[in-house]
Amino acid sequence: MPEPVDESAHSTVEALVRAHLSKALGGKRGMLEGAIPTLGFTISWISTQNLNLSLVISGSLAVLLLLIRIAQRSTAQFVVNSMIGIAIAAVFALRSGRAEDAFLPGLIYNAVYAVVLGGSALVRWPLVGFMIGGVTGEPTKWHRDAHMVALCSRLTWLLAAPCVVRVVVQYPLWAAGEAGWLGIAKIAMGWPLQIAALAAMAWLLSRDHTPVTVKPRA
């Protein structure tokens, strides 16, 4: 398992959240490991129109990535996450016999994630705030600082934005049965879109002007 972030080493909210987000991403390798199985499925489906073969290729690539991780004795967290996603996608696709249904769990996930993130920001309990809850030793004590709540709300909206865009673009492709275009869209709107959102978050976090203090709101 990855080592936890040392929260005591960060003096500002921005620096602390940057550290948490960096840990969650898994770096360039984690991004690549998430994209390769989807790329394998998409290329195979476009080339052969064979659902079973495409699923086998996707799963085989994930297993290969896992074996490499094990051989290197490095954390396999992101590969395992990818394998779980592939297994769920395979169940959906095999039950219906439609290749586009392999992407349905991702659509549902993004829709639910967008609603949860957006809802948490709307009610002023943004989910990003819970990432910094350990600073005070209590998961919700950060909520007493109005500036921290405002910052975390903006960050939460930025995290929700890619999910909304994916659903808006990919749902019509799923409804039209365009499995090949869905695969391309998933790759193009995966980490690239997430990185764009994180770049906006990085700009917001780069100012380092919000001290880690808990002040009661008026």
Protein backbone atom coordinates (compact mmCIF):
# COMPACT_ATOMS: atom_id res chain seq x y z
CA MET A 1 0.00 0.00 0.00
CA PRO A 2 1.21 3.59 -0.67
CA GLU A 3 2.57 5.42 2.35
CA PRO A 4 0.10 7.90 3.87
CA VAL A 5 0.60 11.63 3.42
CA ASP A 6 2.34 13.32 6.36
CA GLU A 7 -0.26 15.98 7.05
CA SER A 8 1.80 17.69 9.76
CA ALA A 9 4.42 18.63 7.16
CA HIS A 10 2.06 21.01 5.34
CA SER A 11 1.31 24.49 6.66
CA THR A 12 -1.38 25.51 4.17
CA VAL A 13 -4.60 23.99 2.93
CA GLU A 14 -3.36 24.21 -0.67
CA ALA A 15 -0.13 22.31 0.03
CA LEU A 16 -1.97 19.59 1.94
CA VAL A 17 -4.56 19.01 -0.77
CA ARG A 18 -1.82 18.96 -3.44
CA ALA A 19 -0.09 16.14 -1.54
CA HIS A 20 -3.31 14.11 -1.25
CA LEU A 21 -4.18 14.51 -4.94
CA SER A 22 -0.67 13.51 -6.04
CA LYS A 23 -0.93 10.34 -3.97
CA ALA A 24 -4.37 9.52 -5.38
CA LEU A 25 -3.30 9.83 -9.03
CA GLY A 26 -0.63 7.13 -8.92
CA GLY A 27 1.66 9.12 -11.20
CA LYS A 28 2.15 8.62 -14.94
CA ARG A 29 2.43 4.86 -14.58
CA GLY A 30 -0.89 4.58 -12.77
CA MET A 31 -2.55 6.60 -15.54
CA LEU A 32 -1.04 4.38 -18.23
CA GLU A 33 -2.09 1.18 -16.44
CA GLY A 34 -5.66 2.41 -16.39
CA ALA A 35 -5.70 3.24 -20.11
CA ILE A 36 -3.96 0.20 -21.66
CA PRO A 37 -6.75 -2.39 -21.09
CA THR A 38 -9.37 -0.01 -22.50
CA LEU A 39 -7.16 0.68 -25.51
CA GLY A 40 -6.75 -3.06 -26.08
CA PHE A 41 -10.51 -3.62 -25.93
CA THR A 42 -11.22 -0.73 -28.30
CA ILE A 43 -8.64 -1.71 -30.94
CA SER A 44 -9.77 -5.35 -30.84
CA TRP A 45 -13.47 -4.46 -31.16
CA ILE A 46 -12.89 -2.05 -34.04
CA SER A 47 -10.75 -4.66 -35.82
CA THR A 48 -12.75 -7.84 -35.19
CA GLN A 49 -16.23 -6.93 -33.86
CA ASN A 50 -15.70 -9.92 -31.54
CA LEU A 51 -16.90 -9.12 -28.02
CA ASN A 52 -15.44 -12.17 -26.29
CA LEU A 53 -12.03 -11.72 -27.91
CA SER A 54 -11.99 -8.03 -27.03
CA LEU A 55 -12.78 -8.75 -23.39
CA VAL A 56 -10.11 -11.47 -23.25
CA ILE A 57 -7.49 -9.11 -24.68
CA SER A 58 -8.45 -6.37 -22.25
CA GLY A 59 -8.32 -8.71 -19.26
CA SER A 60 -5.05 -10.28 -20.43
CA LEU A 61 -3.38 -6.89 -20.65
CA ALA A 62 -4.50 -6.09 -17.11
CA VAL A 63 -3.15 -9.42 -15.83
CA LEU A 64 0.16 -8.77 -17.60
CA LEU A 65 0.43 -5.34 -15.95
CA LEU A 66 -0.33 -6.94 -12.59
CA LEU A 67 2.37 -9.58 -13.05
CA ILE A 68 4.89 -6.87 -13.91
CA ARG A 69 3.97 -5.02 -10.72
CA ILE A 70 4.33 -8.19 -8.66
CA ALA A 71 7.69 -9.01 -10.25
CA GLN A 72 8.91 -5.51 -9.43
CA ARG A 73 7.45 -5.74 -5.92
CA SER A 74 5.71 -2.39 -6.36
CA THR A 75 2.19 -1.45 -5.38
CA ALA A 76 -0.47 -3.04 -7.59
CA GLN A 77 -3.30 -0.83 -6.36
CA PHE A 78 -4.02 0.90 -9.66
CA VAL A 79 -3.78 -2.31 -11.72
CA VAL A 80 -6.17 -4.06 -9.33
CA ASN A 81 -8.58 -1.14 -9.61
CA SER A 82 -8.41 -1.49 -13.40
CA MET A 83 -9.05 -5.23 -13.20
CA ILE A 84 -12.11 -4.72 -11.03
CA GLY A 85 -13.45 -2.25 -13.57
CA ILE A 86 -12.80 -4.69 -16.42
CA ALA A 87 -14.58 -7.50 -14.57
CA ILE A 88 -17.66 -5.35 -13.97
CA ALA A 89 -17.65 -4.16 -17.59
CA ALA A 90 -17.40 -7.76 -18.81
CA VAL A 91 -20.43 -8.78 -16.76
CA PHE A 92 -22.54 -6.00 -18.27
CA ALA A 93 -21.37 -6.69 -21.83
CA LEU A 94 -21.69 -10.47 -21.67
CA ARG A 95 -25.17 -10.35 -20.14
CA SER A 96 -26.51 -8.18 -22.96
CA GLY A 97 -24.20 -9.29 -25.76
CA ARG A 98 -23.65 -5.64 -26.67
CA ALA A 99 -20.07 -4.33 -26.72
CA GLU A 100 -21.21 -0.81 -25.83
CA ASP A 101 -22.51 -2.10 -22.50
CA ALA A 102 -18.90 -2.65 -21.43
CA PHE A 103 -18.83 1.13 -21.00
CA LEU A 104 -22.15 1.38 -19.15
CA PRO A 105 -20.67 0.91 -15.64
CA GLY A 106 -18.30 3.81 -16.32
CA LEU A 107 -21.20 6.00 -17.38
CA ILE A 108 -23.16 5.11 -14.26
CA TYR A 109 -20.09 5.71 -12.08
CA ASN A 110 -19.46 9.14 -13.59
CA ALA A 111 -23.12 10.15 -13.28
CA VAL A 112 -23.30 9.10 -9.62
CA TYR A 113 -19.90 10.64 -8.83
CA ALA A 114 -20.96 13.95 -10.39
CA VAL A 115 -24.18 14.01 -8.40
CA VAL A 116 -22.42 13.15 -5.13
CA LEU A 117 -19.62 15.68 -5.64
CA GLY A 118 -21.94 18.44 -6.80
CA GLY A 119 -24.44 17.70 -4.04
CA SER A 120 -21.77 17.82 -1.35
CA ALA A 121 -20.62 21.23 -2.59
CA LEU A 122 -24.18 22.55 -2.76
CA VAL A 123 -24.86 21.66 0.87
CA ARG A 124 -21.49 23.17 1.91
CA TRP A 125 -19.95 19.87 2.97
CA PRO A 126 -17.59 19.38 -0.01
CA LEU A 127 -16.00 15.96 -0.24
CA VAL A 128 -12.53 17.41 -0.80
CA GLY A 129 -12.77 18.84 2.71
CA PHE A 130 -12.70 15.38 4.23
CA MET A 131 -9.25 14.85 2.68
CA ILE A 132 -7.86 17.47 5.04
CA GLY A 133 -9.90 16.47 8.08
CA GLY A 134 -6.89 14.85 9.73
CA VAL A 135 -5.20 18.22 10.19
CA THR A 136 -7.23 18.94 13.32
CA GLY A 137 -7.58 15.31 14.36
CA GLU A 138 -11.32 15.35 13.65
CA PRO A 139 -12.83 14.49 10.24
CA THR A 140 -15.24 17.44 10.20
CA LYS A 141 -13.47 20.13 12.21
CA TRP A 142 -12.27 21.81 8.99
CA HIS A 143 -15.88 22.83 8.40
CA ARG A 144 -15.59 25.56 11.06
CA ASP A 145 -13.28 27.57 8.79
CA ALA A 146 -15.39 29.38 6.18
CA HIS A 147 -12.37 30.01 3.93
CA MET A 148 -11.48 26.32 3.92
CA VAL A 149 -15.05 25.35 3.11
CA ALA A 150 -15.09 27.80 0.20
CA LEU A 151 -11.78 26.52 -1.18
CA CYS A 152 -12.81 22.87 -0.88
CA SER A 153 -16.15 23.63 -2.54
CA ARG A 154 -14.41 25.09 -5.59
CA LEU A 155 -12.06 22.10 -5.75
CA THR A 156 -14.99 19.71 -5.49
CA TRP A 157 -16.79 21.39 -8.40
CA LEU A 158 -13.63 21.09 -10.49
CA LEU A 159 -13.47 17.36 -9.71
CA ALA A 160 -17.11 16.97 -10.71
CA ALA A 161 -16.71 18.76 -14.06
CA PRO A 162 -14.95 15.91 -15.96
CA CYS A 163 -17.63 13.45 -14.85
CA VAL A 164 -20.38 15.71 -16.17
CA VAL A 165 -18.62 16.16 -19.52
CA ARG A 166 -18.06 12.42 -19.91
CA VAL A 167 -21.73 11.63 -19.34
CA VAL A 168 -22.90 14.37 -21.72
CA VAL A 169 -20.60 13.15 -24.52
CA GLN A 170 -20.59 9.39 -23.97
CA TYR A 171 -24.24 8.69 -23.17
CA PRO A 172 -25.42 9.49 -26.73
CA LEU A 173 -22.68 7.22 -28.10
CA TRP A 174 -23.83 4.40 -25.81
CA ALA A 175 -27.46 4.93 -26.80
CA ALA A 176 -26.44 4.76 -30.47
CA GLY A 177 -24.47 1.53 -29.95
CA GLU A 178 -21.16 3.09 -30.99
CA ALA A 179 -18.78 0.87 -28.99
CA GLY A 180 -15.70 1.84 -30.98
CA TRP A 181 -16.28 5.57 -30.56
CA LEU A 182 -17.10 4.97 -26.89
CA GLY A 183 -13.70 3.38 -26.38
CA ILE A 184 -11.97 6.27 -28.10
CA ALA A 185 -13.99 8.78 -26.09
CA LYS A 186 -13.25 6.99 -22.83
CA ILE A 187 -9.50 7.14 -23.46
CA ALA A 188 -9.57 10.73 -24.74
CA MET A 189 -11.79 11.87 -21.87
CA GLY A 190 -10.09 9.81 -19.19
CA TRP A 191 -6.79 11.07 -17.82
CA PRO A 192 -6.46 13.93 -20.35
CA LEU A 193 -9.71 15.44 -19.13
CA GLN A 194 -8.84 14.67 -15.52
CA ILE A 195 -5.45 16.32 -15.92
CA ALA A 196 -7.13 19.43 -17.34
CA ALA A 197 -9.33 19.62 -14.26
CA LEU A 198 -6.34 19.01 -11.99
CA ALA A 199 -4.42 21.75 -13.79
CA ALA A 200 -7.21 24.14 -12.87
CA MET A 201 -7.06 22.82 -9.31
CA ALA A 202 -3.28 23.22 -9.27
CA TRP A 203 -3.66 26.86 -10.26
CA LEU A 204 -6.16 27.34 -7.46
CA LEU A 205 -3.87 25.56 -4.99
CA SER A 206 -0.69 27.31 -6.12
CA ARG A 207 -1.50 30.53 -4.30
CA ASP A 208 -0.74 29.09 -0.82
CA HIS A 209 -2.66 31.82 0.95
CA THR A 210 -5.12 29.82 3.09
CA PRO A 211 -3.55 28.92 6.45
CA VAL A 212 -4.46 25.65 8.14
CA THR A 213 -6.38 27.12 11.02
CA VAL A 214 -9.85 26.49 12.38
CA LYS A 215 -11.83 29.66 13.02
CA PRO A 216 -15.50 29.63 13.91
CA ARG A 217 -17.68 31.11 11.23
CA ALA A 218 -19.80 34.11 12.18
